[in-house]
Amino acid sequence: MPMSVQIVGSAAILVAFVLSQMGKVSNNNPWYLLLNAFGSAILAVDALLKQQWGFLLLEGTWAIVAIAGLITLLVRKLRTTPNSPTPPQAAN
């Protein structure tokens, strides 16, 4: 992959980290998790293509954990979303 792709992936992770350290986002904020998942997935693919196994382990794990966090947030949101109203029951 071109170095510019590596820079984009690294920048996404670093932006999330800096925003977290500044108190602008929490580590369970969807944007924080999305930036981490995106950046680390890019770097994991690059590491795989270059057979950099240690880097692949780091970035692959980072991507999996971030994606798991996004899924957890989505499941929580779906569970707390009010269901559509049910039709009234017919009288017996």
N, C-alpha and C. Protein backbone atom coordinates (compact mmCIF):
# COMPACT_ATOMS: atom_id res chain seq x y z
N MET A 1 0.85 -1.19 0.00
CA MET A 1 0.00 0.00 0.00
C MET A 1 0.88 1.23 0.00
N PRO A 2 0.39 2.28 -0.61
CA PRO A 2 1.18 3.52 -0.59
C PRO A 2 1.30 4.09 0.82
N MET A 3 2.36 4.82 1.04
CA MET A 3 2.58 5.42 2.35
C MET A 3 1.43 6.35 2.73
N SER A 4 0.78 6.98 1.77
CA SER A 4 -0.33 7.89 2.09
C SER A 4 -1.47 7.16 2.77
N VAL A 5 -1.68 5.88 2.42
CA VAL A 5 -2.72 5.08 3.07
C VAL A 5 -2.34 4.82 4.52
N GLN A 6 -1.07 4.53 4.76
CA GLN A 6 -0.59 4.35 6.13
C GLN A 6 -0.79 5.62 6.95
N ILE A 7 -0.53 6.74 6.35
CA ILE A 7 -0.67 8.02 7.05
C ILE A 7 -2.13 8.27 7.40
N VAL A 8 -3.04 7.96 6.48
CA VAL A 8 -4.47 8.13 6.76
C VAL A 8 -4.89 7.24 7.92
N GLY A 9 -4.47 5.98 7.90
CA GLY A 9 -4.81 5.06 8.99
C GLY A 9 -4.24 5.52 10.31
N SER A 10 -3.00 5.91 10.32
CA SER A 10 -2.37 6.40 11.54
C SER A 10 -3.03 7.68 12.04
N ALA A 11 -3.35 8.57 11.12
CA ALA A 11 -4.00 9.84 11.50
C ALA A 11 -5.36 9.59 12.14
N ALA A 12 -6.12 8.65 11.63
CA ALA A 12 -7.44 8.35 12.20
C ALA A 12 -7.29 7.90 13.65
N ILE A 13 -6.34 7.01 13.91
CA ILE A 13 -6.12 6.53 15.28
C ILE A 13 -5.65 7.67 16.18
N LEU A 14 -4.73 8.48 15.67
CA LEU A 14 -4.19 9.57 16.47
C LEU A 14 -5.23 10.65 16.76
N VAL A 15 -6.09 10.95 15.81
CA VAL A 15 -7.16 11.93 16.04
C VAL A 15 -8.07 11.43 17.16
N ALA A 16 -8.45 10.17 17.12
CA ALA A 16 -9.29 9.60 18.17
C ALA A 16 -8.59 9.70 19.52
N PHE A 17 -7.32 9.36 19.56
CA PHE A 17 -6.55 9.40 20.80
C PHE A 17 -6.46 10.82 21.36
N VAL A 18 -6.12 11.76 20.51
CA VAL A 18 -5.99 13.16 20.96
C VAL A 18 -7.34 13.68 21.47
N LEU A 19 -8.42 13.41 20.74
CA LEU A 19 -9.74 13.86 21.18
C LEU A 19 -10.11 13.24 22.53
N SER A 20 -9.75 11.99 22.73
CA SER A 20 -10.01 11.33 23.99
C SER A 20 -9.20 11.97 25.12
N GLN A 21 -7.94 12.23 24.87
CA GLN A 21 -7.08 12.83 25.89
C GLN A 21 -7.50 14.25 26.24
N MET A 22 -8.09 14.95 25.28
CA MET A 22 -8.57 16.31 25.52
C MET A 22 -9.95 16.32 26.19
N GLY A 23 -10.52 15.15 26.37
CA GLY A 23 -11.84 15.06 26.99
C GLY A 23 -12.99 15.40 26.06
N LYS A 24 -12.72 15.41 24.77
CA LYS A 24 -13.76 15.74 23.78
C LYS A 24 -14.65 14.55 23.46
N VAL A 25 -14.11 13.35 23.54
CA VAL A 25 -14.88 12.12 23.32
C VAL A 25 -14.45 11.09 24.36
N SER A 26 -15.37 10.20 24.69
CA SER A 26 -15.02 9.11 25.60
C SER A 26 -14.62 7.89 24.77
N ASN A 27 -14.05 6.91 25.44
CA ASN A 27 -13.59 5.74 24.69
C ASN A 27 -14.74 4.83 24.28
N ASN A 28 -15.97 5.14 24.65
CA ASN A 28 -17.12 4.38 24.13
C ASN A 28 -17.99 5.23 23.22
N ASN A 29 -17.44 6.34 22.76
CA ASN A 29 -18.12 7.19 21.79
C ASN A 29 -18.04 6.52 20.42
N PRO A 30 -19.15 6.51 19.68
CA PRO A 30 -19.11 5.84 18.37
C PRO A 30 -18.05 6.41 17.42
N TRP A 31 -17.82 7.71 17.46
CA TRP A 31 -16.81 8.31 16.57
C TRP A 31 -15.40 7.86 16.96
N TYR A 32 -15.15 7.78 18.25
CA TYR A 32 -13.85 7.29 18.73
C TYR A 32 -13.61 5.86 18.24
N LEU A 33 -14.62 5.02 18.43
CA LEU A 33 -14.50 3.62 18.01
C LEU A 33 -14.39 3.49 16.50
N LEU A 34 -15.16 4.30 15.77
CA LEU A 34 -15.13 4.24 14.31
C LEU A 34 -13.76 4.66 13.77
N LEU A 35 -13.21 5.74 14.31
CA LEU A 35 -11.88 6.18 13.87
C LEU A 35 -10.83 5.11 14.16
N ASN A 36 -10.91 4.49 15.34
CA ASN A 36 -9.96 3.43 15.68
C ASN A 36 -10.14 2.21 14.79
N ALA A 37 -11.38 1.81 14.55
CA ALA A 37 -11.63 0.64 13.70
C ALA A 37 -11.12 0.89 12.28
N PHE A 38 -11.44 2.05 11.74
CA PHE A 38 -11.03 2.42 10.38
C PHE A 38 -9.51 2.46 10.26
N GLY A 39 -8.88 3.20 11.14
CA GLY A 39 -7.42 3.36 11.07
C GLY A 39 -6.68 2.07 11.29
N SER A 40 -7.08 1.32 12.30
CA SER A 40 -6.36 0.08 12.59
C SER A 40 -6.61 -0.99 11.54
N ALA A 41 -7.80 -1.01 10.95
CA ALA A 41 -8.06 -1.98 9.88
C ALA A 41 -7.17 -1.70 8.66
N ILE A 42 -7.02 -0.43 8.32
CA ILE A 42 -6.14 -0.06 7.20
C ILE A 42 -4.71 -0.53 7.49
N LEU A 43 -4.24 -0.24 8.69
CA LEU A 43 -2.87 -0.62 9.03
C LEU A 43 -2.71 -2.13 9.15
N ALA A 44 -3.75 -2.83 9.59
CA ALA A 44 -3.68 -4.29 9.67
C ALA A 44 -3.56 -4.91 8.27
N VAL A 45 -4.33 -4.40 7.34
CA VAL A 45 -4.24 -4.91 5.96
C VAL A 45 -2.85 -4.65 5.40
N ASP A 46 -2.32 -3.47 5.65
CA ASP A 46 -0.98 -3.14 5.18
C ASP A 46 0.05 -4.08 5.79
N ALA A 47 -0.09 -4.34 7.09
CA ALA A 47 0.84 -5.26 7.76
C ALA A 47 0.73 -6.67 7.20
N LEU A 48 -0.49 -7.11 6.90
CA LEU A 48 -0.69 -8.44 6.30
C LEU A 48 0.00 -8.53 4.94
N LEU A 49 -0.20 -7.51 4.13
CA LEU A 49 0.40 -7.52 2.79
C LEU A 49 1.92 -7.53 2.84
N LYS A 50 2.47 -6.90 3.86
CA LYS A 50 3.93 -6.84 4.00
C LYS A 50 4.48 -7.91 4.92
N GLN A 51 3.60 -8.80 5.39
CA GLN A 51 3.98 -9.90 6.28
C GLN A 51 4.71 -9.41 7.53
N GLN A 52 4.20 -8.36 8.11
CA GLN A 52 4.74 -7.81 9.36
C GLN A 52 3.86 -8.34 10.49
N TRP A 53 4.19 -9.51 11.00
CA TRP A 53 3.29 -10.26 11.87
C TRP A 53 3.04 -9.58 13.22
N GLY A 54 4.04 -8.99 13.80
CA GLY A 54 3.85 -8.28 15.08
C GLY A 54 2.92 -7.09 14.91
N PHE A 55 3.13 -6.35 13.84
CA PHE A 55 2.29 -5.18 13.55
C PHE A 55 0.86 -5.63 13.22
N LEU A 56 0.74 -6.75 12.51
CA LEU A 56 -0.58 -7.29 12.20
C LEU A 56 -1.30 -7.69 13.48
N LEU A 57 -0.59 -8.31 14.40
CA LEU A 57 -1.20 -8.69 15.68
C LEU A 57 -1.71 -7.45 16.42
N LEU A 58 -0.90 -6.43 16.48
CA LEU A 58 -1.29 -5.20 17.17
C LEU A 58 -2.49 -4.55 16.50
N GLU A 59 -2.39 -4.27 15.22
CA GLU A 59 -3.44 -3.54 14.53
C GLU A 59 -4.70 -4.38 14.31
N GLY A 60 -4.51 -5.67 14.07
CA GLY A 60 -5.66 -6.55 13.91
C GLY A 60 -6.48 -6.64 15.19
N THR A 61 -5.77 -6.78 16.31
CA THR A 61 -6.46 -6.81 17.61
C THR A 61 -7.15 -5.48 17.88
N TRP A 62 -6.48 -4.40 17.59
CA TRP A 62 -7.03 -3.06 17.79
C TRP A 62 -8.32 -2.91 16.98
N ALA A 63 -8.30 -3.34 15.74
CA ALA A 63 -9.50 -3.25 14.88
C ALA A 63 -10.64 -4.11 15.43
N ILE A 64 -10.31 -5.34 15.84
CA ILE A 64 -11.34 -6.25 16.35
C ILE A 64 -11.99 -5.68 17.61
N VAL A 65 -11.18 -5.15 18.51
CA VAL A 65 -11.72 -4.59 19.75
C VAL A 65 -12.59 -3.36 19.45
N ALA A 66 -12.16 -2.51 18.55
CA ALA A 66 -12.95 -1.32 18.20
C ALA A 66 -14.26 -1.72 17.53
N ILE A 67 -14.22 -2.69 16.64
CA ILE A 67 -15.44 -3.16 15.97
C ILE A 67 -16.37 -3.82 16.99
N ALA A 68 -15.83 -4.58 17.92
CA ALA A 68 -16.65 -5.19 18.98
C ALA A 68 -17.32 -4.10 19.81
N GLY A 69 -16.61 -3.02 20.09
CA GLY A 69 -17.19 -1.89 20.82
C GLY A 69 -18.33 -1.25 20.05
N LEU A 70 -18.15 -1.09 18.74
CA LEU A 70 -19.22 -0.53 17.90
C LEU A 70 -20.45 -1.43 17.90
N ILE A 71 -20.22 -2.73 17.81
CA ILE A 71 -21.34 -3.68 17.82
C ILE A 71 -22.07 -3.62 19.16
N THR A 72 -21.31 -3.54 20.25
CA THR A 72 -21.92 -3.44 21.58
C THR A 72 -22.79 -2.20 21.68
N LEU A 73 -22.30 -1.06 21.19
CA LEU A 73 -23.10 0.17 21.21
C LEU A 73 -24.36 0.02 20.39
N LEU A 74 -24.25 -0.61 19.22
CA LEU A 74 -25.41 -0.80 18.36
C LEU A 74 -26.45 -1.70 19.02
N VAL A 75 -26.00 -2.78 19.62
CA VAL A 75 -26.93 -3.69 20.30
C VAL A 75 -27.63 -2.98 21.45
N ARG A 76 -26.89 -2.22 22.24
CA ARG A 76 -27.50 -1.45 23.33
C ARG A 76 -28.54 -0.48 22.82
N LYS A 77 -28.21 0.20 21.74
CA LYS A 77 -29.14 1.17 21.16
C LYS A 77 -30.41 0.47 20.68
N LEU A 78 -30.25 -0.67 20.03
CA LEU A 78 -31.42 -1.40 19.54
C LEU A 78 -32.29 -1.91 20.69
N ARG A 79 -31.66 -2.28 21.79
CA ARG A 79 -32.42 -2.78 22.95
C ARG A 79 -33.17 -1.67 23.66
N THR A 80 -32.65 -0.45 23.62
CA THR A 80 -33.29 0.65 24.33
C THR A 80 -34.23 1.46 23.45
N THR A 81 -34.24 1.19 22.15
CA THR A 81 -35.15 1.89 21.25
C THR A 81 -36.55 1.37 21.50
N PRO A 82 -37.49 2.30 21.72
CA PRO A 82 -38.86 1.84 21.97
C PRO A 82 -39.40 1.07 20.77
N ASN A 83 -40.11 0.01 21.07
CA ASN A 83 -40.72 -0.79 20.00
C ASN A 83 -41.89 -0.03 19.42
N SER A 84 -42.22 -0.37 18.20
CA SER A 84 -43.39 0.25 17.59
C SER A 84 -44.62 -0.21 18.35
N PRO A 85 -45.63 0.65 18.42
CA PRO A 85 -46.82 0.28 19.20
C PRO A 85 -47.48 -0.97 18.63
N THR A 86 -47.95 -1.79 19.53
CA THR A 86 -48.64 -3.00 19.09
C THR A 86 -50.12 -2.68 18.91
N PRO A 87 -50.75 -3.32 17.96
CA PRO A 87 -52.17 -3.04 17.73
C PRO A 87 -52.99 -3.52 18.93
N PRO A 88 -54.11 -2.85 19.20
CA PRO A 88 -54.94 -3.26 20.34
C PRO A 88 -55.48 -4.67 20.13
N GLN A 89 -55.66 -5.38 21.24
CA GLN A 89 -56.19 -6.74 21.20
C GLN A 89 -57.69 -6.68 20.94
N ALA A 90 -58.17 -7.65 20.20
CA ALA A 90 -59.61 -7.73 19.93
C ALA A 90 -60.32 -8.18 21.21
N ALA A 91 -61.48 -7.61 21.45
CA ALA A 91 -62.28 -7.97 22.63
C ALA A 91 -62.87 -9.35 22.41
N ASN A 92 -62.92 -10.15 23.46
CA ASN A 92 -63.50 -11.49 23.37
C ASN A 92 -64.97 -11.45 23.65
